[in-house]
C-alpha atoms as a PDB file:
ATOM      1  CA  MET A   1      29.656 -45.844   7.628  1.00  0.00           C
ATOM      2  CA  SER A   2      26.143 -44.441   8.061  1.00  0.00           C
ATOM      3  CA  PRO A   3      25.494 -41.314  10.061  1.00  0.00           C
ATOM      4  CA  TYR A   4      21.885 -42.784  10.877  1.00  0.00           C
ATOM      5  CA  LEU A   5      20.752 -45.937  12.616  1.00  0.00           C
ATOM      6  CA  LEU A   6      20.317 -48.803  10.394  1.00  0.00           C
ATOM      7  CA  PRO A   7      18.388 -50.320   9.109  1.00  0.00           C
ATOM      8  CA  ASN A   8      15.923 -47.876  10.546  1.00  0.00           C
ATOM      9  CA  HIS A   9      17.203 -45.521   8.090  1.00  0.00           C
ATOM     10  CA  LYS A  10      17.668 -47.786   4.912  1.00  0.00           C
ATOM     11  CA  THR A  11      15.673 -46.262   2.727  1.00  0.00           C
ATOM     12  CA  ARG A  12      18.304 -42.228   2.726  1.00  0.00           C
ATOM     13  CA  THR A  13      21.294 -42.124   0.717  1.00  0.00           C
ATOM     14  CA  VAL A  14      23.242 -39.259   2.598  1.00  0.00           C
ATOM     15  CA  PHE A  15      26.260 -37.486   1.724  1.00  0.00           C
ATOM     16  CA  LYS A  16      27.499 -35.533   4.908  1.00  0.00           C
ATOM     17  CA  THR A  17      30.922 -33.646   5.598  1.00  0.00           C
ATOM     18  CA  GLN A  18      32.867 -33.467   9.013  1.00  0.00           C
ATOM     19  CA  THR A  19      33.584 -29.834   9.954  1.00  0.00           C
ATOM     20  CA  HIS A  20      37.695 -29.663   9.504  1.00  0.00           C
ATOM     21  CA  GLN A  21      39.032 -28.258  13.075  1.00  0.00           C
ATOM     22  CA  GLY A  22      34.979 -27.507  14.405  1.00  0.00           C
ATOM     23  CA  ASP A  23      31.992 -29.154  15.635  1.00  0.00           C
ATOM     24  CA  GLY A  24      29.293 -29.472  12.757  1.00  0.00           C
ATOM     25  CA  SER A  25      29.048 -30.853   9.064  1.00  0.00           C
ATOM     26  CA  ASN A  26      27.605 -29.963   5.741  1.00  0.00           C
ATOM     27  CA  GLU A  27      24.862 -32.880   4.358  1.00  0.00           C
ATOM     28  CA  ILE A  28      22.830 -33.541   1.658  1.00  0.00           C
ATOM     29  CA  ARG A  29      19.625 -36.106   2.449  1.00  0.00           C
ATOM     30  CA  PHE A  30      17.958 -38.474  -0.019  1.00  0.00           C
ATOM     31  CA  GLU A  31      14.741 -40.239   1.787  1.00  0.00           C
ATOM     32  CA  ASP A  32      12.949 -42.458  -0.870  1.00  0.00           C
ATOM     33  CA  GLN A  33      10.591 -44.125   1.598  1.00  0.00           C
ATOM     34  CA  ALA A  34       7.451 -44.267  -0.270  1.00  0.00           C
ATOM     35  CA  SER A  35       5.325 -40.942   1.301  1.00  0.00           C
ATOM     36  CA  ILE A  36       7.735 -39.143   2.785  1.00  0.00           C
ATOM     37  CA  GLU A  37      10.201 -38.940   0.252  1.00  0.00           C
ATOM     38  CA  GLN A  38      12.876 -35.421   0.946  1.00  0.00           C
ATOM     39  CA  ILE A  39      15.732 -33.979   0.242  1.00  0.00           C
ATOM     40  CA  TYR A  40      17.343 -32.437   2.848  1.00  0.00           C
ATOM     41  CA  ILE A  41      20.518 -29.900   2.673  1.00  0.00           C
ATOM     42  CA  HIS A  42      21.673 -28.887   5.523  1.00  0.00           C
ATOM     43  CA  ALA A  43      24.539 -25.671   5.301  1.00  0.00           C
ATOM     44  CA  GLN A  44      26.620 -25.535   8.552  1.00  0.00           C
ATOM     45  CA  LYS A  45      27.069 -21.739   7.811  1.00  0.00           C
ATOM     46  CA  ASP A  46      27.056 -20.802   4.233  1.00  0.00           C
ATOM     47  CA  GLN A  47      25.119 -21.415   1.318  1.00  0.00           C
ATOM     48  CA  ASP A  48      25.675 -19.654  -1.955  1.00  0.00           C
ATOM     49  CA  ILE A  49      23.765 -20.298  -4.965  1.00  0.00           C
ATOM     50  CA  VAL A  50      24.581 -18.668  -8.170  1.00  0.00           C
ATOM     51  CA  THR A  51      22.712 -19.168 -11.784  1.00  0.00           C
ATOM     52  CA  GLU A  52      24.098 -17.501 -14.654  1.00  0.00           C
ATOM     53  CA  ASN A  53      20.354 -17.969 -17.024  1.00  0.00           C
ATOM     54  CA  ILE A  54      17.027 -18.565 -15.756  1.00  0.00           C
ATOM     55  CA  ARG A  55      16.590 -20.495 -12.687  1.00  0.00           C
ATOM     56  CA  ARG A  56      13.018 -21.759 -12.386  1.00  0.00           C
ATOM     57  CA  GLU A  57      10.724 -23.205  -9.577  1.00  0.00           C
ATOM     58  CA  SER A  58       7.551 -24.788  -8.583  1.00  0.00           C
ATOM     59  CA  VAL A  59       6.445 -25.482  -5.035  1.00  0.00           C
ATOM     60  CA  GLY A  60       3.114 -28.040  -5.182  1.00  0.00           C
ATOM     61  CA  THR A  61       1.231 -26.785  -2.141  1.00  0.00           C
ATOM     62  CA  ASP A  62       2.598 -24.381   0.377  1.00  0.00           C
ATOM     63  CA  SER A  63       6.074 -22.525   0.997  1.00  0.00           C
ATOM     64  CA  HIS A  64       7.452 -21.493   4.312  1.00  0.00           C
ATOM     65  CA  HIS A  65      10.643 -19.435   5.203  1.00  0.00           C
ATOM     66  CA  ARG A  66      11.868 -18.166   7.873  1.00  0.00           C
ATOM     67  CA  ILE A  67      14.643 -15.714   8.207  1.00  0.00           C
ATOM     68  CA  GLY A  68      16.441 -14.865  11.496  1.00  0.00           C
ATOM     69  CA  ARG A  69      17.617 -11.340  10.590  1.00  0.00           C
ATOM     70  CA  HIS A  70      17.669  -9.479   6.951  1.00  0.00           C
ATOM     71  CA  TRP A  71      16.046  -9.956   3.689  1.00  0.00           C
ATOM     72  CA  TYR A  72      17.566  -8.076   0.984  1.00  0.00           C
ATOM     73  CA  GLN A  73      16.479  -8.276  -2.162  1.00  0.00           C
ATOM     74  CA  MET A  74      17.473  -6.409  -5.812  1.00  0.00           C
ATOM     75  CA  ILE A  75      15.864  -6.484  -9.005  1.00  0.00           C
ATOM     76  CA  THR A  76      17.557  -4.338 -11.565  1.00  0.00           C
ATOM     77  CA  GLU A  77      14.177  -5.079 -13.727  1.00  0.00           C
ATOM     78  CA  ASN A  78      10.363  -5.996 -13.646  1.00  0.00           C
ATOM     79  CA  PHE A  79       8.385  -7.714 -10.352  1.00  0.00           C
ATOM     80  CA  ASN A  80       5.511  -9.723 -11.415  1.00  0.00           C
ATOM     81  CA  ARG A  81       3.614 -11.577  -8.463  1.00  0.00           C
ATOM     82  CA  MET A  82      -0.089 -12.428  -8.754  1.00  0.00           C
ATOM     83  CA  VAL A  83      -1.497 -13.891  -5.715  1.00  0.00           C
ATOM     84  CA  GLY A  84      -4.913 -16.175  -6.119  1.00  0.00           C
ATOM     85  CA  LYS A  85      -6.453 -14.615  -2.733  1.00  0.00           C
ATOM     86  CA  ASN A  86      -5.484 -12.791  -0.089  1.00  0.00           C
ATOM     87  CA  VAL A  87      -2.636 -11.141   0.922  1.00  0.00           C
ATOM     88  CA  VAL A  88      -1.605 -10.178   4.867  1.00  0.00           C
ATOM     89  CA  GLU A  89       1.182  -8.471   6.231  1.00  0.00           C
ATOM     90  CA  GLU A  90       2.199  -7.272   9.725  1.00  0.00           C
ATOM     91  CA  PHE A  91       5.451  -4.931  10.066  1.00  0.00           C
ATOM     92  CA  GLY A  92       6.171  -4.012  13.737  1.00  0.00           C
ATOM     93  CA  GLN A  93       7.913  -0.843  12.652  1.00  0.00           C
ATOM     94  CA  ASP A  94       8.398   1.506   9.612  1.00  0.00           C
ATOM     95  CA  HIS A  95       7.454   0.733   6.150  1.00  0.00           C
ATOM     96  CA  HIS A  96       9.640   3.126   3.584  1.00  0.00           C
ATOM     97  CA  VAL A  97       8.035   2.725   0.359  1.00  0.00           C
ATOM     98  CA  LYS A  98       9.746   5.232  -2.504  1.00  0.00           C
ATOM     99  CA  VAL A  99       8.003   4.441  -6.391  1.00  0.00           C
ATOM    100  CA  GLY A 100      10.382   6.573  -9.007  1.00  0.00           C
ATOM    101  CA  ARG A 101       7.454   7.025 -11.087  1.00  0.00           C
ATOM    102  CA  ASN A 102       3.218   6.399 -11.217  1.00  0.00           C
ATOM    103  CA  VAL A 103       1.291   4.582  -8.339  1.00  0.00           C
ATOM    104  CA  VAL A 104      -1.629   2.873  -9.981  1.00  0.00           C
ATOM    105  CA  GLN A 105      -4.831   1.075  -7.947  1.00  0.00           C
ATOM    106  CA  ARG A 106      -7.403  -0.315  -8.273  1.00  0.00           C
ATOM    107  CA  ILE A 107     -10.186  -2.097  -5.868  1.00  0.00           C
ATOM    108  CA  VAL A 108     -12.986  -3.560  -6.817  1.00  0.00           C
ATOM    109  CA  GLY A 109     -14.313  -3.722  -3.472  1.00  0.00           C
ATOM    110  CA  LYS A 110     -13.319  -0.632  -0.525  1.00  0.00           C
ATOM    111  CA  LEU A 111     -10.624   0.932   1.216  1.00  0.00           C
ATOM    112  CA  SER A 112     -10.304   0.476   4.942  1.00  0.00           C
ATOM    113  CA  ARG A 113      -8.108   2.578   6.970  1.00  0.00           C
ATOM    114  CA  PHE A 114      -7.614   2.227  10.682  1.00  0.00           C
ATOM    115  CA  ILE A 115      -4.680   5.834  11.530  1.00  0.00           C
ATOM    116  CA  SER A 116      -4.029   5.792  15.552  1.00  0.00           C
ATOM    117  CA  GLY A 117      -1.508   8.474  14.721  1.00  0.00           C
ATOM    118  CA  GLY A 118      -2.042  11.630  11.875  1.00  0.00           C
ATOM    119  CA  ILE A 119      -1.994  12.245   8.535  1.00  0.00           C
ATOM    120  CA  ILE A 120       0.788  14.304   6.390  1.00  0.00           C
ATOM    121  CA  THR A 121      -0.013  14.570   3.200  1.00  0.00           C
ATOM    122  CA  LYS A 122       2.116  17.022   0.322  1.00  0.00           C
ATOM    123  CA  VAL A 123       1.255  17.620  -3.131  1.00  0.00           C
ATOM    124  CA  GLU A 124       2.999  18.869  -5.968  1.00  0.00           C
ATOM    125  CA  GLY A 125       0.659  19.090  -8.559  1.00  0.00           C
ATOM    126  CA  SER A 126      -2.917  18.460  -8.554  1.00  0.00           C
ATOM    127  CA  VAL A 127      -5.761  16.381  -7.004  1.00  0.00           C
ATOM    128  CA  VAL A 128      -9.142  15.527  -8.510  1.00  0.00           C
ATOM    129  CA  THR A 129     -11.335  13.088  -6.588  1.00  0.00           C
ATOM    130  CA  GLN A 130     -14.794  11.627  -7.716  1.00  0.00           C
ATOM    131  CA  ILE A 131     -17.514  10.574  -6.120  1.00  0.00           C
ATOM    132  CA  THR A 132     -20.604   8.844  -7.596  1.00  0.00           C
ATOM    133  CA  ALA A 133     -22.314   8.677  -3.953  1.00  0.00           C
ATOM    134  CA  SER A 134     -22.153  10.370  -0.760  1.00  0.00           C
ATOM    135  CA  GLU A 135     -19.018  12.113   1.423  1.00  0.00           C
ATOM    136  CA  GLU A 136     -19.361  11.941   4.916  1.00  0.00           C
ATOM    137  CA  LYS A 137     -17.325  13.661   7.297  1.00  0.00           C
ATOM    138  CA  GLU A 138     -16.741  14.182  11.149  1.00  0.00           C
ATOM    139  CA  ILE A 139     -13.921  16.833  12.336  1.00  0.00           C
ATOM    140  CA  GLY A 140     -13.498  16.256  16.655  1.00  0.00           C
ATOM    141  CA  ALA A 141     -11.503  19.398  16.431  1.00  0.00           C
ATOM    142  CA  ASN A 142     -10.900  22.461  13.937  1.00  0.00           C
ATOM    143  CA  GLN A 143     -10.789  22.652  10.312  1.00  0.00           C
ATOM    144  CA  ARG A 144      -8.319  25.625   8.789  1.00  0.00           C
ATOM    145  CA  ILE A 145      -8.493  25.520   4.386  1.00  0.00           C
ATOM    146  CA  THR A 146      -6.451  28.320   3.042  1.00  0.00           C
ATOM    147  CA  VAL A 147      -6.832  28.964  -0.880  1.00  0.00           C
ATOM    148  CA  SER A 148      -4.567  31.260  -2.897  1.00  0.00           C
ATOM    149  CA  ASN A 149      -7.072  31.502  -6.380  1.00  0.00           C
ATOM    150  CA  GLU A 150     -10.746  30.683  -6.179  1.00  0.00           C
ATOM    151  CA  ASN A 151     -13.153  28.472  -3.957  1.00  0.00           C
ATOM    152  CA  TYR A 152     -15.970  26.829  -6.278  1.00  0.00           C
ATOM    153  CA  VAL A 153     -18.620  25.565  -4.108  1.00  0.00           C
ATOM    154  CA  LYS A 154     -22.149  23.997  -6.586  1.00  0.00           C
ATOM    155  CA  ALA A 155     -25.069  22.132  -5.012  1.00  0.00           C
ATOM    156  CA  LYS A 156     -28.603  21.766  -5.260  1.00  0.00           C
ATOM    157  CA  ASN A 157     -29.120  23.379  -1.249  1.00  0.00           C
ATOM    158  CA  ILE A 158     -25.985  24.941   0.680  1.00  0.00           C
ATOM    159  CA  ILE A 159     -26.879  24.723   4.223  1.00  0.00           C
ATOM    160  CA  LEU A 160     -24.512  26.236   6.455  1.00  0.00           C
ATOM    161  CA  GLU A 161     -24.928  26.454  10.698  1.00  0.00           C
ATOM    162  CA  ALA A 162     -22.741  27.603  12.800  1.00  0.00           C
ATOM    163  CA  GLY A 163     -23.308  26.571  16.562  1.00  0.00           C
ATOM    164  CA  THR A 164     -22.317  29.857  17.999  1.00  0.00           C
ATOM    165  CA  GLU A 165     -21.188  32.647  15.648  1.00  0.00           C
ATOM    166  CA  LEU A 166     -20.975  32.349  11.582  1.00  0.00           C
ATOM    167  CA  THR A 167     -19.595  35.298   9.542  1.00  0.00           C
ATOM    168  CA  ILE A 168     -18.914  36.089   5.768  1.00  0.00           C
ATOM    169  CA  LYS A 169     -15.991  38.493   5.261  1.00  0.00           C
ATOM    170  CA  GLY A 170     -14.931  40.254   1.928  1.00  0.00           C
ATOM    171  CA  PRO A 171     -13.157  43.547   1.665  1.00  0.00           C
ATOM    172  CA  GLY A 172     -16.022  45.802   1.517  1.00  0.00           C
ATOM    173  CA  GLY A 173     -17.532  44.632   5.045  1.00  0.00           C
ATOM    174  CA  PHE A 174     -18.610  41.195   6.732  1.00  0.00           C
ATOM    175  CA  VAL A 175     -21.825  39.642   7.795  1.00  0.00           C
ATOM    176  CA  LYS A 176     -22.319  38.475  11.124  1.00  0.00           C
ATOM    177  CA  ILE A 177     -24.994  36.360  12.975  1.00  0.00           C
ATOM    178  CA  ASP A 178     -24.352  35.789  16.725  1.00  0.00           C
ATOM    179  CA  SER A 179     -26.546  34.951  19.454  1.00  0.00           C
ATOM    180  CA  GLY A 180     -27.096  38.671  19.649  1.00  0.00           C
ATOM    181  CA  GLY A 181     -28.550  39.141  16.182  1.00  0.00           C
ATOM    182  CA  VAL A 182     -27.959  39.367  12.662  1.00  0.00           C
ATOM    183  CA  THR A 183     -24.765  42.005  12.175  1.00  0.00           C
ATOM    184  CA  ILE A 184     -24.034  43.992   8.785  1.00  0.00           C
ATOM    185  CA  SER A 185     -20.871  46.180   7.721  1.00  0.00           C
ATOM    186  CA  GLY A 186     -19.479  47.693   4.998  1.00  0.00           C
ATOM    187  CA  THR A 187     -18.592  50.897   2.838  1.00  0.00           C
ATOM    188  CA  LYS A 188     -21.910  50.881   1.117  1.00  0.00           C
ATOM    189  CA  VAL A 189     -24.392  48.139   1.580  1.00  0.00           C
ATOM    190  CA  LYS A 190     -26.923  48.091  -1.143  1.00  0.00           C
ATOM    191  CA  ILE A 191     -30.289  46.289  -1.405  1.00  0.00           C
ATOM    192  CA  ASN A 192     -31.274  45.460  -5.077  1.00  0.00           C
ATOM    193  CA  GLU A 193     -29.920  47.912  -6.833  1.00  0.00           C
ATOM    194  CA  GLY A 194     -28.948  45.331 -10.029  1.00  0.00           C
ATOM    195  CA  GLY A 195     -25.588  43.874 -10.252  1.00  0.00           C
ATOM    196  CA  SER A 196     -24.638  40.502 -11.123  1.00  0.00           C
ATOM    197  CA  PRO A 197     -23.680  37.600  -8.879  1.00  0.00           C
ATOM    198  CA  GLY A 198     -19.743  36.201  -8.898  1.00  0.00           C
ATOM    199  CA  LYS A 199     -19.261  32.971 -11.535  1.00  0.00           C
ATOM    200  CA  GLY A 200     -16.745  31.181 -10.150  1.00  0.00           C
ATOM    201  CA  THR A 201     -15.298  27.814 -12.325  1.00  0.00           C
ATOM    202  CA  ALA A 202     -16.647  24.052 -12.079  1.00  0.00           C
ATOM    203  CA  PRO A 203     -13.522  21.210 -11.320  1.00  0.00           C
ATOM    204  CA  LYS A 204     -13.067  18.808 -14.429  1.00  0.00           C
ATOM    205  CA  MET A 205     -12.924  15.280 -13.858  1.00  0.00           C
ATOM    206  CA  VAL A 206     -10.325  13.061 -15.344  1.00  0.00           C
ATOM    207  CA  LYS A 207     -10.330   9.407 -15.037  1.00  0.00           C
ATOM    208  CA  PRO A 208      -8.160   7.161 -13.559  1.00  0.00           C
ATOM    209  CA  ASP A 209      -5.246   5.025 -14.944  1.00  0.00           C
ATOM    210  CA  GLU A 210      -5.969   1.679 -15.658  1.00  0.00           C
ATOM    211  CA  THR A 211      -3.481  -0.613 -13.967  1.00  0.00           C
ATOM    212  CA  ASP A 212      -1.408  -3.387 -15.906  1.00  0.00           C
ATOM    213  CA  LYS A 213      -1.601  -7.900 -15.696  1.00  0.00           C
ATOM    214  CA  PRO A 214       1.322  -8.839 -14.025  1.00  0.00           C
ATOM    215  CA  GLN A 215       3.005 -11.850 -16.452  1.00  0.00           C
ATOM    216  CA  GLU A 216       2.973 -15.065 -15.048  1.00  0.00           C
ATOM    217  CA  PRO A 217       6.101 -16.924 -13.866  1.00  0.00           C
ATOM    218  CA  GLU A 218       7.097 -20.068 -15.946  1.00  0.00           C
ATOM    219  CA  ALA A 219       7.170 -23.655 -15.190  1.00  0.00           C
ATOM    220  CA  PRO A 220      10.221 -25.532 -14.434  1.00  0.00           C
ATOM    221  CA  ASP A 221      11.934 -27.231 -17.422  1.00  0.00           C
ATOM    222  CA  THR A 222      11.502 -31.070 -16.542  1.00  0.00           C
ATOM    223  CA  ARG A 223      12.639 -32.608 -20.035  1.00  0.00           C
ATOM    224  CA  MET A 224      14.496 -35.348 -19.464  1.00  0.00           C
END
């Protein structure tokens, strides 16, 4: 007896089993009506698929996946993914990523980020940044920088402007500029007495690594 009304669904081939001691069924259905062909699989509870070697899948247009709870995936070796246009992701809560070695990125356009909280970064090695155009920064509160050894700055023009006070301090004294004037204090103040300025070390630029191209997937084996 067909589980679907006949002859309305005469183009369907159905293999359907009834659940023992319960309600429900497992079903494999083939629809062969022109323009609405379909293979339908329904598992009343679990579905397990084991492929001993290679699994290939090809989708002509779209692929949709809805998962009611969790999604677990484990890849013992490499993961290759190619996206022809855009990738849009949205996470309701946290996003954790751990990388065992290197991260290499190449962005042809621009990188835009909006962070409503804060940023905490710890780098145990060196940081090298090369900017071919300008860098603009605006800080609403304080900026504090501590350098253990040398702080070297070189520019065509250097302008330091303070709204309330500007202080240059060293082991032998200080120079302070505020609304009361210019204060110079030191164990000994030398003007036009020879000597030489201190020297700094210019930064050394390092080029970033190039990104690798992902491997394209194989097409399904359609041999008859």
